[in-house]
Full PDB file with SEQRES, HELIX, SHEET, SSBOND, CRYST1, ORIGX, SCALE, CONECT and MASTER records, all heavy atoms in Angstrom:
SEQRES   1 A   39  LYS LEU MET SER ARG VAL TYR ASP GLY ALA PRO LYS PRO          
SEQRES   2 A   39  LEU THR GLN LYS PRO GLY ALA THR LEU GLY MET ALA MET          
SEQRES   3 A   39  THR GLU LYS GLN GLY GLY SER ASP VAL ARG ALA ASN THR          
HELIX    1 AA1 LEU A   14  GLN A   16  5                                   3    
HELIX    2 AA2 VAL A   35  ALA A   37  5                                   3    
CRYST1    1.000    1.000    1.000  90.00  90.00  90.00 P 1           1          
ORIGX1      1.000000  0.000000  0.000000        0.00000                         
ORIGX2      0.000000  1.000000  0.000000        0.00000                         
ORIGX3      0.000000  0.000000  1.000000        0.00000                         
SCALE1      1.000000  0.000000  0.000000        0.00000                         
SCALE2      0.000000  1.000000  0.000000        0.00000                         
SCALE3      0.000000  0.000000  1.000000        0.00000                         
ATOM      1  N   LYS A   1      48.093  23.101  62.236  1.00  0.00           N  
ATOM      2  CA  LYS A   1      47.271  23.867  63.224  1.00  0.00           C  
ATOM      3  C   LYS A   1      48.033  25.114  63.611  1.00  0.00           C  
ATOM      4  O   LYS A   1      47.454  26.171  63.854  1.00  0.00           O  
ATOM      5  CB  LYS A   1      47.082  22.997  64.476  1.00  0.00           C  
ATOM      6  CG  LYS A   1      46.316  21.617  64.177  1.00  0.00           C  
ATOM      7  CD  LYS A   1      44.858  21.917  63.833  1.00  0.00           C  
ATOM      8  CE  LYS A   1      44.086  20.631  63.447  1.00  0.00           C  
ATOM      9  NZ  LYS A   1      43.726  19.894  64.676  1.00  0.00           N  
ATOM     10  N   LEU A   2      49.355  25.029  63.736  1.00  0.00           N  
ATOM     11  CA  LEU A   2      50.134  26.192  64.097  1.00  0.00           C  
ATOM     12  C   LEU A   2      50.195  27.232  62.894  1.00  0.00           C  
ATOM     13  O   LEU A   2      50.323  28.385  63.153  1.00  0.00           O  
ATOM     14  CB  LEU A   2      51.570  25.764  64.474  1.00  0.00           C  
ATOM     15  CG  LEU A   2      51.724  24.867  65.635  1.00  0.00           C  
ATOM     16  CD1 LEU A   2      53.171  24.461  65.809  1.00  0.00           C  
ATOM     17  CD2 LEU A   2      51.147  25.528  66.961  1.00  0.00           C  
ATOM     18  N   MET A   3      50.087  26.773  61.696  1.00  0.00           N  
ATOM     19  CA  MET A   3      50.102  27.659  60.526  1.00  0.00           C  
ATOM     20  C   MET A   3      48.715  28.053  60.099  1.00  0.00           C  
ATOM     21  O   MET A   3      48.505  28.632  59.066  1.00  0.00           O  
ATOM     22  CB  MET A   3      50.894  27.007  59.418  1.00  0.00           C  
ATOM     23  CG  MET A   3      52.384  26.914  59.696  1.00  0.00           C  
ATOM     24  SD  MET A   3      53.382  26.255  58.286  1.00  0.00           S  
ATOM     25  CE  MET A   3      53.018  24.546  58.360  1.00  0.00           C  
ATOM     26  N   SER A   4      47.724  27.620  60.869  1.00  0.00           N  
ATOM     27  CA  SER A   4      46.329  28.027  60.556  1.00  0.00           C  
ATOM     28  C   SER A   4      46.172  29.504  60.779  1.00  0.00           C  
ATOM     29  O   SER A   4      46.840  30.140  61.577  1.00  0.00           O  
ATOM     30  CB  SER A   4      45.365  27.198  61.464  1.00  0.00           C  
ATOM     31  OG  SER A   4      44.027  27.733  61.360  1.00  0.00           O  
ATOM     32  N   ARG A   5      45.161  30.019  60.044  1.00  0.00           N  
ATOM     33  CA  ARG A   5      44.815  31.447  60.240  1.00  0.00           C  
ATOM     34  C   ARG A   5      43.503  31.557  61.112  1.00  0.00           C  
ATOM     35  O   ARG A   5      42.804  32.570  61.053  1.00  0.00           O  
ATOM     36  CB  ARG A   5      44.660  32.170  58.945  1.00  0.00           C  
ATOM     37  CG  ARG A   5      45.995  32.353  58.180  1.00  0.00           C  
ATOM     38  CD  ARG A   5      45.899  33.403  57.159  1.00  0.00           C  
ATOM     39  NE  ARG A   5      47.147  33.667  56.471  1.00  0.00           N  
ATOM     40  CZ  ARG A   5      47.404  34.712  55.727  1.00  0.00           C  
ATOM     41  NH1 ARG A   5      46.497  35.660  55.628  1.00  0.00           N  
ATOM     42  NH2 ARG A   5      48.589  34.842  55.151  1.00  0.00           N  
ATOM     43  N   VAL A   6      43.268  30.591  61.927  1.00  0.00           N  
ATOM     44  CA  VAL A   6      42.161  30.603  62.860  1.00  0.00           C  
ATOM     45  C   VAL A   6      42.720  30.488  64.208  1.00  0.00           C  
ATOM     46  O   VAL A   6      43.565  29.609  64.573  1.00  0.00           O  
ATOM     47  CB  VAL A   6      41.187  29.439  62.531  1.00  0.00           C  
ATOM     48  CG1 VAL A   6      40.031  29.460  63.594  1.00  0.00           C  
ATOM     49  CG2 VAL A   6      40.673  29.435  61.159  1.00  0.00           C  
ATOM     50  N   TYR A   7      42.215  31.391  65.146  1.00  0.00           N  
ATOM     51  CA  TYR A   7      42.601  31.377  66.553  1.00  0.00           C  
ATOM     52  C   TYR A   7      41.544  30.704  67.335  1.00  0.00           C  
ATOM     53  O   TYR A   7      40.346  30.959  67.187  1.00  0.00           O  
ATOM     54  CB  TYR A   7      42.789  32.771  67.052  1.00  0.00           C  
ATOM     55  CG  TYR A   7      42.961  32.927  68.494  1.00  0.00           C  
ATOM     56  CD1 TYR A   7      44.056  32.324  69.212  1.00  0.00           C  
ATOM     57  CD2 TYR A   7      41.993  33.494  69.314  1.00  0.00           C  
ATOM     58  CE1 TYR A   7      44.203  32.377  70.489  1.00  0.00           C  
ATOM     59  CE2 TYR A   7      42.085  33.588  70.680  1.00  0.00           C  
ATOM     60  CZ  TYR A   7      43.227  33.095  71.278  1.00  0.00           C  
ATOM     61  OH  TYR A   7      43.363  33.143  72.666  1.00  0.00           O  
ATOM     62  N   ASP A   8      41.927  29.762  68.170  1.00  0.00           N  
ATOM     63  CA  ASP A   8      41.030  29.099  69.118  1.00  0.00           C  
ATOM     64  C   ASP A   8      41.679  28.997  70.461  1.00  0.00           C  
ATOM     65  O   ASP A   8      42.607  28.187  70.693  1.00  0.00           O  
ATOM     66  CB  ASP A   8      40.677  27.692  68.550  1.00  0.00           C  
ATOM     67  CG  ASP A   8      39.682  26.991  69.385  1.00  0.00           C  
ATOM     68  OD1 ASP A   8      39.364  27.413  70.591  1.00  0.00           O  
ATOM     69  OD2 ASP A   8      39.152  25.932  68.942  1.00  0.00           O  
ATOM     70  N   GLY A   9      41.270  29.826  71.389  1.00  0.00           N  
ATOM     71  CA  GLY A   9      41.826  29.923  72.708  1.00  0.00           C  
ATOM     72  C   GLY A   9      41.208  28.973  73.708  1.00  0.00           C  
ATOM     73  O   GLY A   9      41.563  29.081  74.937  1.00  0.00           O  
ATOM     74  N   ALA A  10      40.346  28.048  73.336  1.00  0.00           N  
ATOM     75  CA  ALA A  10      39.626  27.177  74.292  1.00  0.00           C  
ATOM     76  C   ALA A  10      40.559  26.066  74.797  1.00  0.00           C  
ATOM     77  O   ALA A  10      41.431  25.586  74.068  1.00  0.00           O  
ATOM     78  CB  ALA A  10      38.425  26.576  73.633  1.00  0.00           C  
ATOM     79  N   PRO A  11      40.338  25.655  76.021  1.00  0.00           N  
ATOM     80  CA  PRO A  11      41.106  24.571  76.609  1.00  0.00           C  
ATOM     81  C   PRO A  11      40.577  23.179  76.167  1.00  0.00           C  
ATOM     82  O   PRO A  11      39.725  22.556  76.762  1.00  0.00           O  
ATOM     83  CB  PRO A  11      40.969  24.717  78.141  1.00  0.00           C  
ATOM     84  CG  PRO A  11      39.580  25.416  78.257  1.00  0.00           C  
ATOM     85  CD  PRO A  11      39.428  26.285  77.011  1.00  0.00           C  
ATOM     86  N   LYS A  12      41.055  22.741  75.027  1.00  0.00           N  
ATOM     87  CA  LYS A  12      40.642  21.402  74.510  1.00  0.00           C  
ATOM     88  C   LYS A  12      41.784  20.813  73.664  1.00  0.00           C  
ATOM     89  O   LYS A  12      42.664  21.505  73.231  1.00  0.00           O  
ATOM     90  CB  LYS A  12      39.362  21.604  73.675  1.00  0.00           C  
ATOM     91  CG  LYS A  12      39.451  22.600  72.564  1.00  0.00           C  
ATOM     92  CD  LYS A  12      38.042  22.798  71.921  1.00  0.00           C  
ATOM     93  CE  LYS A  12      38.100  23.864  70.887  1.00  0.00           C  
ATOM     94  NZ  LYS A  12      36.680  24.092  70.333  1.00  0.00           N  
ATOM     95  N   PRO A  13      41.784  19.560  73.408  1.00  0.00           N  
ATOM     96  CA  PRO A  13      42.877  18.893  72.760  1.00  0.00           C  
ATOM     97  C   PRO A  13      43.086  19.411  71.369  1.00  0.00           C  
ATOM     98  O   PRO A  13      42.178  19.944  70.660  1.00  0.00           O  
ATOM     99  CB  PRO A  13      42.407  17.379  72.760  1.00  0.00           C  
ATOM    100  CG  PRO A  13      41.427  17.263  73.814  1.00  0.00           C  
ATOM    101  CD  PRO A  13      40.740  18.568  73.847  1.00  0.00           C  
ATOM    102  N   LEU A  14      44.305  19.175  70.820  1.00  0.00           N  
ATOM    103  CA  LEU A  14      44.651  19.650  69.468  1.00  0.00           C  
ATOM    104  C   LEU A  14      43.676  19.057  68.408  1.00  0.00           C  
ATOM    105  O   LEU A  14      43.374  19.886  67.469  1.00  0.00           O  
ATOM    106  CB  LEU A  14      46.083  19.157  69.171  1.00  0.00           C  
ATOM    107  CG  LEU A  14      46.663  19.715  67.845  1.00  0.00           C  
ATOM    108  CD1 LEU A  14      46.971  21.186  67.900  1.00  0.00           C  
ATOM    109  CD2 LEU A  14      47.906  18.908  67.498  1.00  0.00           C  
ATOM    110  N   THR A  15      43.281  17.923  68.528  1.00  0.00           N  
ATOM    111  CA  THR A  15      42.425  17.277  67.514  1.00  0.00           C  
ATOM    112  C   THR A  15      41.083  17.970  67.354  1.00  0.00           C  
ATOM    113  O   THR A  15      40.404  17.869  66.285  1.00  0.00           O  
ATOM    114  CB  THR A  15      42.151  15.778  67.833  1.00  0.00           C  
ATOM    115  OG1 THR A  15      41.541  15.699  69.102  1.00  0.00           O  
ATOM    116  CG2 THR A  15      43.476  15.013  67.760  1.00  0.00           C  
ATOM    117  N   GLN A  16      40.718  18.719  68.326  1.00  0.00           N  
ATOM    118  CA  GLN A  16      39.389  19.399  68.324  1.00  0.00           C  
ATOM    119  C   GLN A  16      39.458  20.870  67.996  1.00  0.00           C  
ATOM    120  O   GLN A  16      38.507  21.617  67.975  1.00  0.00           O  
ATOM    121  CB  GLN A  16      38.706  19.250  69.717  1.00  0.00           C  
ATOM    122  CG  GLN A  16      38.489  17.851  70.109  1.00  0.00           C  
ATOM    123  CD  GLN A  16      37.855  17.754  71.512  1.00  0.00           C  
ATOM    124  OE1 GLN A  16      37.222  18.709  72.014  1.00  0.00           O  
ATOM    125  NE2 GLN A  16      38.080  16.625  72.200  1.00  0.00           N  
ATOM    126  N   LYS A  17      40.679  21.354  67.577  1.00  0.00           N  
ATOM    127  CA  LYS A  17      40.912  22.737  67.345  1.00  0.00           C  
ATOM    128  C   LYS A  17      41.278  23.050  65.900  1.00  0.00           C  
ATOM    129  O   LYS A  17      42.104  22.277  65.250  1.00  0.00           O  
ATOM    130  CB  LYS A  17      42.007  23.302  68.201  1.00  0.00           C  
ATOM    131  CG  LYS A  17      41.804  23.062  69.671  1.00  0.00           C  
ATOM    132  CD  LYS A  17      42.875  23.720  70.584  1.00  0.00           C  
ATOM    133  CE  LYS A  17      42.445  25.124  70.907  1.00  0.00           C  
ATOM    134  NZ  LYS A  17      43.229  25.744  71.951  1.00  0.00           N  
ATOM    135  N   PRO A  18      40.730  24.073  65.292  1.00  0.00           N  
ATOM    136  CA  PRO A  18      41.116  24.474  63.903  1.00  0.00           C  
ATOM    137  C   PRO A  18      42.438  25.178  63.798  1.00  0.00           C  
ATOM    138  O   PRO A  18      43.071  25.225  62.759  1.00  0.00           O  
ATOM    139  CB  PRO A  18      39.978  25.383  63.493  1.00  0.00           C  
ATOM    140  CG  PRO A  18      39.578  26.057  64.772  1.00  0.00           C  
ATOM    141  CD  PRO A  18      39.714  24.971  65.862  1.00  0.00           C  
ATOM    142  N   GLY A  19      42.925  25.653  64.985  1.00  0.00           N  
ATOM    143  CA  GLY A  19      44.266  26.356  64.979  1.00  0.00           C  
ATOM    144  C   GLY A  19      44.791  26.272  66.336  1.00  0.00           C  
ATOM    145  O   GLY A  19      44.080  26.072  67.336  1.00  0.00           O  
ATOM    146  N   ALA A  20      46.123  26.344  66.512  1.00  0.00           N  
ATOM    147  CA  ALA A  20      46.818  26.184  67.742  1.00  0.00           C  
ATOM    148  C   ALA A  20      47.944  27.204  67.914  1.00  0.00           C  
ATOM    149  O   ALA A  20      48.440  27.756  66.921  1.00  0.00           O  
ATOM    150  CB  ALA A  20      47.274  24.747  67.891  1.00  0.00           C  
ATOM    151  N   THR A  21      48.349  27.421  69.128  1.00  0.00           N  
ATOM    152  CA  THR A  21      49.508  28.246  69.480  1.00  0.00           C  
ATOM    153  C   THR A  21      50.523  27.397  70.260  1.00  0.00           C  
ATOM    154  O   THR A  21      50.152  26.399  70.931  1.00  0.00           O  
ATOM    155  CB  THR A  21      49.119  29.485  70.240  1.00  0.00           C  
ATOM    156  OG1 THR A  21      48.499  29.095  71.500  1.00  0.00           O  
ATOM    157  CG2 THR A  21      48.182  30.358  69.455  1.00  0.00           C  
ATOM    158  N   LEU A  22      51.758  27.807  70.245  1.00  0.00           N  
ATOM    159  CA  LEU A  22      52.802  27.102  70.930  1.00  0.00           C  
ATOM    160  C   LEU A  22      53.636  28.032  71.755  1.00  0.00           C  
ATOM    161  O   LEU A  22      53.953  29.146  71.277  1.00  0.00           O  
ATOM    162  CB  LEU A  22      53.732  26.386  69.896  1.00  0.00           C  
ATOM    163  CG  LEU A  22      54.387  25.104  70.383  1.00  0.00           C  
ATOM    164  CD1 LEU A  22      53.355  24.059  70.731  1.00  0.00           C  
ATOM    165  CD2 LEU A  22      55.285  24.518  69.309  1.00  0.00           C  
ATOM    166  N   GLY A  23      53.905  27.651  72.945  1.00  0.00           N  
ATOM    167  CA  GLY A  23      54.745  28.487  73.900  1.00  0.00           C  
ATOM    168  C   GLY A  23      56.110  27.876  74.149  1.00  0.00           C  
ATOM    169  O   GLY A  23      56.427  26.860  73.498  1.00  0.00           O  
ATOM    170  N   MET A  24      56.768  28.350  75.128  1.00  0.00           N  
ATOM    171  CA  MET A  24      58.103  27.929  75.467  1.00  0.00           C  
ATOM    172  C   MET A  24      58.270  27.928  77.013  1.00  0.00           C  
ATOM    173  O   MET A  24      57.817  28.775  77.658  1.00  0.00           O  
ATOM    174  CB  MET A  24      59.169  28.804  74.833  1.00  0.00           C  
ATOM    175  CG  MET A  24      60.613  28.401  75.042  1.00  0.00           C  
ATOM    176  SD  MET A  24      61.790  29.687  74.534  1.00  0.00           S  
ATOM    177  CE  MET A  24      61.544  29.640  72.741  1.00  0.00           C  
ATOM    178  N   ALA A  25      58.953  26.885  77.502  1.00  0.00           N  
ATOM    179  CA  ALA A  25      59.248  26.804  78.884  1.00  0.00           C  
ATOM    180  C   ALA A  25      60.668  26.226  79.096  1.00  0.00           C  
ATOM    181  O   ALA A  25      60.787  24.954  79.083  1.00  0.00           O  
ATOM    182  CB  ALA A  25      58.179  25.960  79.679  1.00  0.00           C  
ATOM    183  N   MET A  26      61.605  27.044  79.200  1.00  0.00           N  
ATOM    184  CA  MET A  26      62.985  26.598  79.261  1.00  0.00           C  
ATOM    185  C   MET A  26      63.706  27.044  80.528  1.00  0.00           C  
ATOM    186  O   MET A  26      64.407  26.189  81.131  1.00  0.00           O  
ATOM    187  CB  MET A  26      63.867  27.210  78.118  1.00  0.00           C  
ATOM    188  CG  MET A  26      63.469  26.620  76.750  1.00  0.00           C  
ATOM    189  SD  MET A  26      64.877  26.888  75.599  1.00  0.00           S  
ATOM    190  CE  MET A  26      64.905  28.645  75.438  1.00  0.00           C  
ATOM    191  N   THR A  27      63.477  28.238  81.040  1.00  0.00           N  
ATOM    192  CA  THR A  27      64.307  28.751  82.119  1.00  0.00           C  
ATOM    193  C   THR A  27      63.988  28.070  83.450  1.00  0.00           C  
ATOM    194  O   THR A  27      62.834  27.840  83.777  1.00  0.00           O  
ATOM    195  CB  THR A  27      63.962  30.238  82.275  1.00  0.00           C  
ATOM    196  OG1 THR A  27      64.166  30.901  81.022  1.00  0.00           O  
ATOM    197  CG2 THR A  27      64.910  30.908  83.321  1.00  0.00           C  
ATOM    198  N   GLU A  28      64.994  27.841  84.192  1.00  0.00           N  
ATOM    199  CA  GLU A  28      64.887  27.232  85.541  1.00  0.00           C  
ATOM    200  C   GLU A  28      65.589  28.142  86.536  1.00  0.00           C  
ATOM    201  O   GLU A  28      66.493  28.940  86.170  1.00  0.00           O  
ATOM    202  CB  GLU A  28      65.380  25.822  85.616  1.00  0.00           C  
ATOM    203  CG  GLU A  28      64.609  24.850  84.776  1.00  0.00           C  
ATOM    204  CD  GLU A  28      64.965  23.400  84.902  1.00  0.00           C  
ATOM    205  OE1 GLU A  28      65.840  23.153  85.778  1.00  0.00           O  
ATOM    206  OE2 GLU A  28      64.447  22.580  84.134  1.00  0.00           O  
ATOM    207  N   LYS A  29      65.281  28.060  87.827  1.00  0.00           N  
ATOM    208  CA  LYS A  29      65.839  28.976  88.854  1.00  0.00           C  
ATOM    209  C   LYS A  29      67.293  29.002  88.849  1.00  0.00           C  
ATOM    210  O   LYS A  29      67.980  30.085  88.944  1.00  0.00           O  
ATOM    211  CB  LYS A  29      65.229  28.575  90.188  1.00  0.00           C  
ATOM    212  CG  LYS A  29      63.749  28.711  90.374  1.00  0.00           C  
ATOM    213  CD  LYS A  29      63.347  28.229  91.777  1.00  0.00           C  
ATOM    214  CE  LYS A  29      61.824  28.279  91.887  1.00  0.00           C  
ATOM    215  NZ  LYS A  29      61.365  27.760  93.169  1.00  0.00           N  
ATOM    216  N   GLN A  30      67.928  27.852  88.832  1.00  0.00           N  
ATOM    217  CA  GLN A  30      69.363  27.731  89.081  1.00  0.00           C  
ATOM    218  C   GLN A  30      70.239  28.067  87.824  1.00  0.00           C  
ATOM    219  O   GLN A  30      71.374  28.257  87.999  1.00  0.00           O  
ATOM    220  CB  GLN A  30      69.687  26.313  89.551  1.00  0.00           C  
ATOM    221  CG  GLN A  30      69.632  25.235  88.521  1.00  0.00           C  
ATOM    222  CD  GLN A  30      68.261  24.802  88.121  1.00  0.00           C  
ATOM    223  OE1 GLN A  30      67.344  25.150  88.752  1.00  0.00           O  
ATOM    224  NE2 GLN A  30      68.125  24.055  87.029  1.00  0.00           N  
ATOM    225  N   GLY A  31      69.571  28.144  86.658  1.00  0.00           N  
ATOM    226  CA  GLY A  31      70.420  28.246  85.409  1.00  0.00           C  
ATOM    227  C   GLY A  31      70.206  29.498  84.672  1.00  0.00           C  
ATOM    228  O   GLY A  31      71.135  30.083  84.105  1.00  0.00           O  
ATOM    229  N   GLY A  32      68.959  29.980  84.548  1.00  0.00           N  
ATOM    230  CA  GLY A  32      68.674  31.125  83.711  1.00  0.00           C  
ATOM    231  C   GLY A  32      69.019  30.840  82.266  1.00  0.00           C  
ATOM    232  O   GLY A  32      68.626  29.828  81.707  1.00  0.00           O  
ATOM    233  N   SER A  33      69.881  31.736  81.725  1.00  0.00           N  
ATOM    234  CA  SER A  33      70.273  31.494  80.291  1.00  0.00           C  
ATOM    235  C   SER A  33      71.135  30.238  80.152  1.00  0.00           C  
ATOM    236  O   SER A  33      71.280  29.725  79.032  1.00  0.00           O  
ATOM    237  CB  SER A  33      71.112  32.715  79.804  1.00  0.00           C  
ATOM    238  OG  SER A  33      70.267  33.830  79.830  1.00  0.00           O  
ATOM    239  N   ASP A  34      71.743  29.759  81.154  1.00  0.00           N  
ATOM    240  CA  ASP A  34      72.507  28.516  81.171  1.00  0.00           C  
ATOM    241  C   ASP A  34      71.650  27.292  81.228  1.00  0.00           C  
ATOM    242  O   ASP A  34      71.557  26.660  82.243  1.00  0.00           O  
ATOM    243  CB  ASP A  34      73.612  28.563  82.262  1.00  0.00           C  
ATOM    244  CG  ASP A  34      74.501  27.329  82.279  1.00  0.00           C  
ATOM    245  OD1 ASP A  34      74.454  26.593  81.215  1.00  0.00           O  
ATOM    246  OD2 ASP A  34      75.238  27.113  83.218  1.00  0.00           O  
ATOM    247  N   VAL A  35      70.999  26.968  80.066  1.00  0.00           N  
ATOM    248  CA  VAL A  35      69.986  25.943  80.057  1.00  0.00           C  
ATOM    249  C   VAL A  35      70.649  24.589  80.332  1.00  0.00           C  
ATOM    250  O   VAL A  35      69.863  23.564  80.678  1.00  0.00           O  
ATOM    251  CB  VAL A  35      69.169  25.939  78.806  1.00  0.00           C  
ATOM    252  CG1 VAL A  35      68.314  27.276  78.709  1.00  0.00           C  
ATOM    253  CG2 VAL A  35      70.042  25.786  77.612  1.00  0.00           C  
ATOM    254  N   ARG A  36      71.892  24.432  80.125  1.00  0.00           N  
ATOM    255  CA  ARG A  36      72.524  23.118  80.310  1.00  0.00           C  
ATOM    256  C   ARG A  36      72.489  22.762  81.822  1.00  0.00           C  
ATOM    257  O   ARG A  36      72.685  21.611  82.191  1.00  0.00           O  
ATOM    258  CB  ARG A  36      73.925  23.084  79.804  1.00  0.00           C  
ATOM    259  CG  ARG A  36      73.956  23.255  78.297  1.00  0.00           C  
ATOM    260  CD  ARG A  36      75.405  23.006  77.742  1.00  0.00           C  
ATOM    261  NE  ARG A  36      75.441  23.328  76.345  1.00  0.00           N  
ATOM    262  CZ  ARG A  36      75.052  22.446  75.349  1.00  0.00           C  
ATOM    263  NH1 ARG A  36      74.660  21.281  75.723  1.00  0.00           N  
ATOM    264  NH2 ARG A  36      75.157  22.846  74.080  1.00  0.00           N  
ATOM    265  N   ALA A  37      72.237  23.749  82.704  1.00  0.00           N  
ATOM    266  CA  ALA A  37      72.108  23.447  84.157  1.00  0.00           C  
ATOM    267  C   ALA A  37      70.707  23.022  84.488  1.00  0.00           C  
ATOM    268  O   ALA A  37      70.446  22.813  85.709  1.00  0.00           O  
ATOM    269  CB  ALA A  37      72.497  24.763  84.955  1.00  0.00           C  
ATOM    270  N   ASN A  38      69.798  22.859  83.550  1.00  0.00           N  
ATOM    271  CA  ASN A  38      68.473  22.448  83.839  1.00  0.00           C  
ATOM    272  C   ASN A  38      68.404  21.150  84.529  1.00  0.00           C  
ATOM    273  O   ASN A  38      69.229  20.209  84.243  1.00  0.00           O  
ATOM    274  CB  ASN A  38      67.609  22.408  82.543  1.00  0.00           C  
ATOM    275  CG  ASN A  38      67.169  23.744  82.050  1.00  0.00           C  
ATOM    276  OD1 ASN A  38      67.629  24.778  82.621  1.00  0.00           O  
ATOM    277  ND2 ASN A  38      66.339  23.782  81.122  1.00  0.00           N  
ATOM    278  N   THR A  39      67.440  20.958  85.449  1.00  0.00           N  
ATOM    279  CA  THR A  39      67.351  19.770  86.207  1.00  0.00           C  
ATOM    280  C   THR A  39      66.060  18.924  85.970  1.00  0.00           C  
ATOM    281  O   THR A  39      65.903  17.795  86.474  1.00  0.00           O  
ATOM    282  CB  THR A  39      67.464  19.980  87.782  1.00  0.00           C  
ATOM    283  OG1 THR A  39      66.341  20.880  88.142  1.00  0.00           O  
ATOM    284  CG2 THR A  39      68.767  20.693  88.086  1.00  0.00           C  
TER     285      THR A  39                                                      
MASTER        0    0    0    2    0    0    0    6  284    1    0    3          
END                                                                             
């Protein structure tokens, strides 16, 4: 789904989509680039 050449921006489960995108959520207030400080 991530390597698909079809974009589907609808809010629905992966099984119902021909293509998918993936994001990232790492940073926290107290650590920034120091991710080992994540809580």
